[in-house]
Amino acid sequence: MKPKINVLIAEPSDIIREGLATILGSDEFALLAPMRDIPADIDLRIPHLQPDVLLLNPTLLHSPAKMQLASICQARPQMGVVALVYQYVEPQLLQSFKAVLDIREQASHVAQILRDSSPMHDESPEENYDLSERENEVLVLVAKGLSSKEIADQLCISIHTVNTHRKNITHKTGIKSVAGLAVYAMLHNLV
């Protein structure tokens, strides 16, 4: 049996925390006691809690946010820290996270982002190079020449999520150019 992914949610909204708990309520994830805010001694608590993934609302970080995030990451270096976003956050700060989870994501994609961000994902001996349904959708739109912003608008997801999908597509296919991805899409009967 595969070990569960320990997820720690740091989010002030009860509705969002409960919604995530419902989505992640499976045999795959173990939800740790959630946090409504980020305590000053978070870097001391993290090693004791041992989360595999920290799902963190970036607005909870104190100034300077990047320094506090770096301190959290140093407390448990193998932990994946995912930004939980539903309002504007500085793009430079979002780049410091392993992944970005937009609140409007589909339930199946929430689980996939957390799976991909967990250290267990990095240790998997067999890497899955098959594209997910959403990655195929993004690939088709990239092959049609749409920009990341246009893809985000068409699929009703954030531009950060589109960029994450594009990184995953590039990693799985080994193809970096748009022209190469278009050829890949045609060869696999996607367009």
Protein backbone atom coordinates (compact mmCIF):
# COMPACT_ATOMS: atom_id res chain seq x y z
CA MET A 1 0.00 0.00 0.00
CA LYS A 2 1.27 3.43 -0.98
CA PRO A 3 1.92 5.85 1.92
CA LYS A 4 -0.45 8.78 2.25
CA ILE A 5 0.62 12.30 1.33
CA ASN A 6 0.48 14.49 4.45
CA VAL A 7 -1.10 17.83 3.55
CA LEU A 8 -1.07 20.90 5.78
CA ILE A 9 -3.51 23.65 4.75
CA ALA A 10 -2.77 27.22 5.89
CA GLU A 11 -5.88 29.22 4.96
CA PRO A 12 -8.06 31.61 7.01
CA SER A 13 -11.35 30.81 5.24
CA ASP A 14 -13.41 28.00 6.80
CA ILE A 15 -15.28 27.50 3.53
CA ILE A 16 -12.12 27.02 1.51
CA ARG A 17 -10.47 24.76 4.11
CA GLU A 18 -13.58 22.57 4.37
CA GLY A 19 -13.96 22.45 0.59
CA LEU A 20 -10.34 21.33 0.18
CA ALA A 21 -10.80 18.75 2.95
CA THR A 22 -13.79 17.34 1.06
CA ILE A 23 -11.91 17.23 -2.25
CA LEU A 24 -8.85 15.62 -0.66
CA GLY A 25 -10.80 13.19 1.54
CA SER A 26 -9.42 10.00 0.04
CA ASP A 27 -7.05 7.16 0.81
CA GLU A 28 -4.30 9.10 -0.94
CA PHE A 29 -4.11 12.17 1.35
CA ALA A 30 -3.86 12.62 5.11
CA LEU A 31 -4.94 16.09 6.20
CA LEU A 32 -3.06 17.53 9.16
CA ALA A 33 -4.77 19.97 11.55
CA PRO A 34 -5.20 23.11 9.43
CA MET A 35 -3.84 26.54 10.29
CA ARG A 36 -5.88 29.74 10.07
CA ASP A 37 -2.74 31.86 10.00
CA ILE A 38 1.04 31.51 9.95
CA PRO A 39 2.43 31.59 13.49
CA ALA A 40 5.78 33.32 14.08
CA ASP A 41 7.37 29.97 14.97
CA ILE A 42 6.12 28.15 11.85
CA ASP A 43 9.67 27.11 10.92
CA LEU A 44 9.89 25.30 14.30
CA ARG A 45 6.48 23.62 13.96
CA ILE A 46 6.91 22.31 10.42
CA PRO A 47 9.55 19.64 11.28
CA HIS A 48 7.26 18.24 14.02
CA LEU A 49 4.16 18.21 11.82
CA GLN A 50 6.07 16.63 8.90
CA PRO A 51 3.83 17.68 6.02
CA ASP A 52 4.73 16.43 2.56
CA VAL A 53 2.84 19.36 1.04
CA LEU A 54 2.03 22.75 2.53
CA LEU A 55 -0.94 24.36 0.80
CA LEU A 56 -0.45 28.02 1.74
CA ASN A 57 -2.42 31.16 1.08
CA PRO A 58 0.43 33.60 0.21
CA THR A 59 -1.45 36.53 1.77
CA LEU A 60 -0.75 34.97 5.19
CA LEU A 61 2.99 35.55 4.82
CA HIS A 62 4.41 38.45 6.79
CA SER A 63 6.69 41.05 5.25
CA PRO A 64 9.15 40.33 3.76
CA ALA A 65 7.12 37.42 2.38
CA LYS A 66 9.92 35.84 0.34
CA MET A 67 12.15 35.63 3.38
CA GLN A 68 9.44 34.01 5.50
CA LEU A 69 8.69 31.55 2.69
CA ALA A 70 12.40 30.69 2.41
CA SER A 71 12.49 30.06 6.17
CA ILE A 72 9.47 27.74 5.91
CA CYS A 73 11.06 25.83 3.02
CA GLN A 74 14.34 25.44 4.96
CA ALA A 75 12.46 23.94 7.91
CA ARG A 76 11.56 20.91 5.77
CA PRO A 77 13.42 21.09 2.43
CA GLN A 78 11.72 18.06 0.85
CA MET A 79 8.23 19.54 1.48
CA GLY A 80 6.39 20.92 -1.54
CA VAL A 81 4.96 24.38 -0.87
CA VAL A 82 1.95 25.20 -3.05
CA ALA A 83 0.39 28.66 -3.29
CA LEU A 84 -3.39 28.69 -2.80
CA VAL A 85 -4.53 31.69 -4.83
CA TYR A 86 -7.88 33.41 -5.20
CA GLN A 87 -6.81 37.04 -5.31
CA TYR A 88 -3.91 39.01 -6.73
CA VAL A 89 -0.47 37.93 -5.51
CA GLU A 90 2.80 39.41 -6.75
CA PRO A 91 4.07 37.19 -9.61
CA GLN A 92 7.61 37.35 -8.18
CA LEU A 93 6.39 35.80 -4.94
CA LEU A 94 4.46 33.06 -6.78
CA GLN A 95 7.66 32.02 -8.55
CA SER A 96 9.06 31.00 -5.16
CA PHE A 97 6.40 28.27 -4.76
CA LYS A 98 6.69 24.77 -6.20
CA ALA A 99 3.23 25.12 -7.75
CA VAL A 100 0.24 27.44 -7.82
CA LEU A 101 -3.28 26.20 -7.13
CA ASP A 102 -5.99 28.55 -8.31
CA ILE A 103 -9.21 28.25 -6.29
CA ARG A 104 -11.18 27.77 -9.52
CA GLU A 105 -9.42 24.51 -10.42
CA GLN A 106 -11.41 21.33 -10.98
CA ALA A 107 -11.35 18.87 -8.09
CA SER A 108 -9.35 16.26 -10.02
CA HIS A 109 -6.69 18.82 -10.84
CA VAL A 110 -6.35 19.90 -7.19
CA ALA A 111 -5.30 16.38 -6.25
CA GLN A 112 -2.90 16.19 -9.21
CA ILE A 113 -1.15 19.43 -8.24
CA LEU A 114 -0.65 18.15 -4.69
CA ARG A 115 0.57 14.77 -5.96
CA ASP A 116 3.06 16.48 -8.27
CA SER A 117 4.28 18.72 -5.44
CA SER A 118 4.85 15.98 -2.88
CA PRO A 119 8.32 14.51 -2.31
CA MET A 120 6.82 11.08 -3.04
CA HIS A 121 6.26 12.23 -6.61
CA ASP A 122 10.00 12.96 -6.97
CA GLU A 123 10.94 9.55 -5.59
CA SER A 124 8.69 7.51 -7.86
CA PRO A 125 10.81 4.95 -9.73
CA GLU A 126 8.50 4.89 -12.74
CA GLU A 127 7.75 8.30 -14.08
CA ASN A 128 4.46 8.69 -15.93
CA TYR A 129 5.03 10.33 -19.29
CA ASP A 130 1.39 10.17 -20.38
CA LEU A 131 -0.27 13.54 -20.63
CA SER A 132 -3.33 14.14 -18.48
CA GLU A 133 -6.64 15.21 -20.04
CA ARG A 134 -6.01 18.84 -19.08
CA GLU A 135 -2.44 18.71 -20.41
CA ASN A 136 -3.81 17.39 -23.71
CA GLU A 137 -6.30 20.30 -23.80
CA VAL A 138 -3.50 22.79 -23.18
CA LEU A 139 -1.27 21.08 -25.75
CA VAL A 140 -3.97 21.37 -28.42
CA LEU A 141 -4.40 25.07 -27.71
CA VAL A 142 -0.62 25.64 -27.74
CA ALA A 143 -0.45 23.81 -31.06
CA LYS A 144 -3.16 26.14 -32.39
CA GLY A 145 -0.91 29.08 -31.53
CA LEU A 146 -2.75 30.47 -28.49
CA SER A 147 -0.79 32.34 -25.83
CA SER A 148 -0.83 31.27 -22.19
CA LYS A 149 -3.25 34.12 -21.39
CA GLU A 150 -5.62 33.07 -24.18
CA ILE A 151 -5.47 29.44 -23.02
CA ALA A 152 -6.19 30.51 -19.43
CA ASP A 153 -9.19 32.54 -20.56
CA GLN A 154 -10.56 29.74 -22.74
CA LEU A 155 -10.18 27.01 -20.09
CA CYS A 156 -11.19 29.29 -17.17
CA ILE A 157 -7.99 28.60 -15.25
CA SER A 158 -5.19 30.88 -14.10
CA ILE A 159 -2.24 31.75 -16.29
CA HIS A 160 0.02 30.23 -13.61
CA THR A 161 -1.80 26.91 -13.97
CA VAL A 162 -1.40 27.07 -17.76
CA ASN A 163 2.33 27.66 -17.32
CA THR A 164 2.55 24.69 -14.93
CA HIS A 165 0.80 22.50 -17.52
CA ARG A 166 3.18 23.75 -20.21
CA LYS A 167 6.18 22.87 -18.01
CA ASN A 168 4.73 19.39 -17.40
CA ILE A 169 4.08 18.91 -21.13
CA THR A 170 7.65 19.94 -21.94
CA HIS A 171 9.01 17.62 -19.25
CA LYS A 172 6.91 14.64 -20.33
CA THR A 173 7.43 15.05 -24.09
CA GLY A 174 10.95 16.47 -24.06
CA ILE A 175 9.80 19.06 -26.63
CA LYS A 176 10.49 22.72 -25.93
CA SER A 177 9.33 24.54 -29.07
CA VAL A 178 5.76 25.40 -30.00
CA ALA A 179 6.35 24.01 -33.49
CA GLY A 180 7.60 20.74 -32.02
CA LEU A 181 4.56 20.53 -29.76
CA ALA A 182 2.29 21.15 -32.76
CA VAL A 183 3.92 18.25 -34.61
CA TYR A 184 3.58 16.07 -31.49
CA ALA A 185 -0.14 16.96 -31.27
CA MET A 186 -0.66 16.07 -34.94
CA LEU A 187 1.22 12.78 -34.64
CA HIS A 188 -0.93 11.81 -31.67
CA ASN A 189 -4.18 12.79 -33.46
CA LEU A 190 -4.96 15.57 -30.99
CA VAL A 191 -5.51 18.22 -33.71
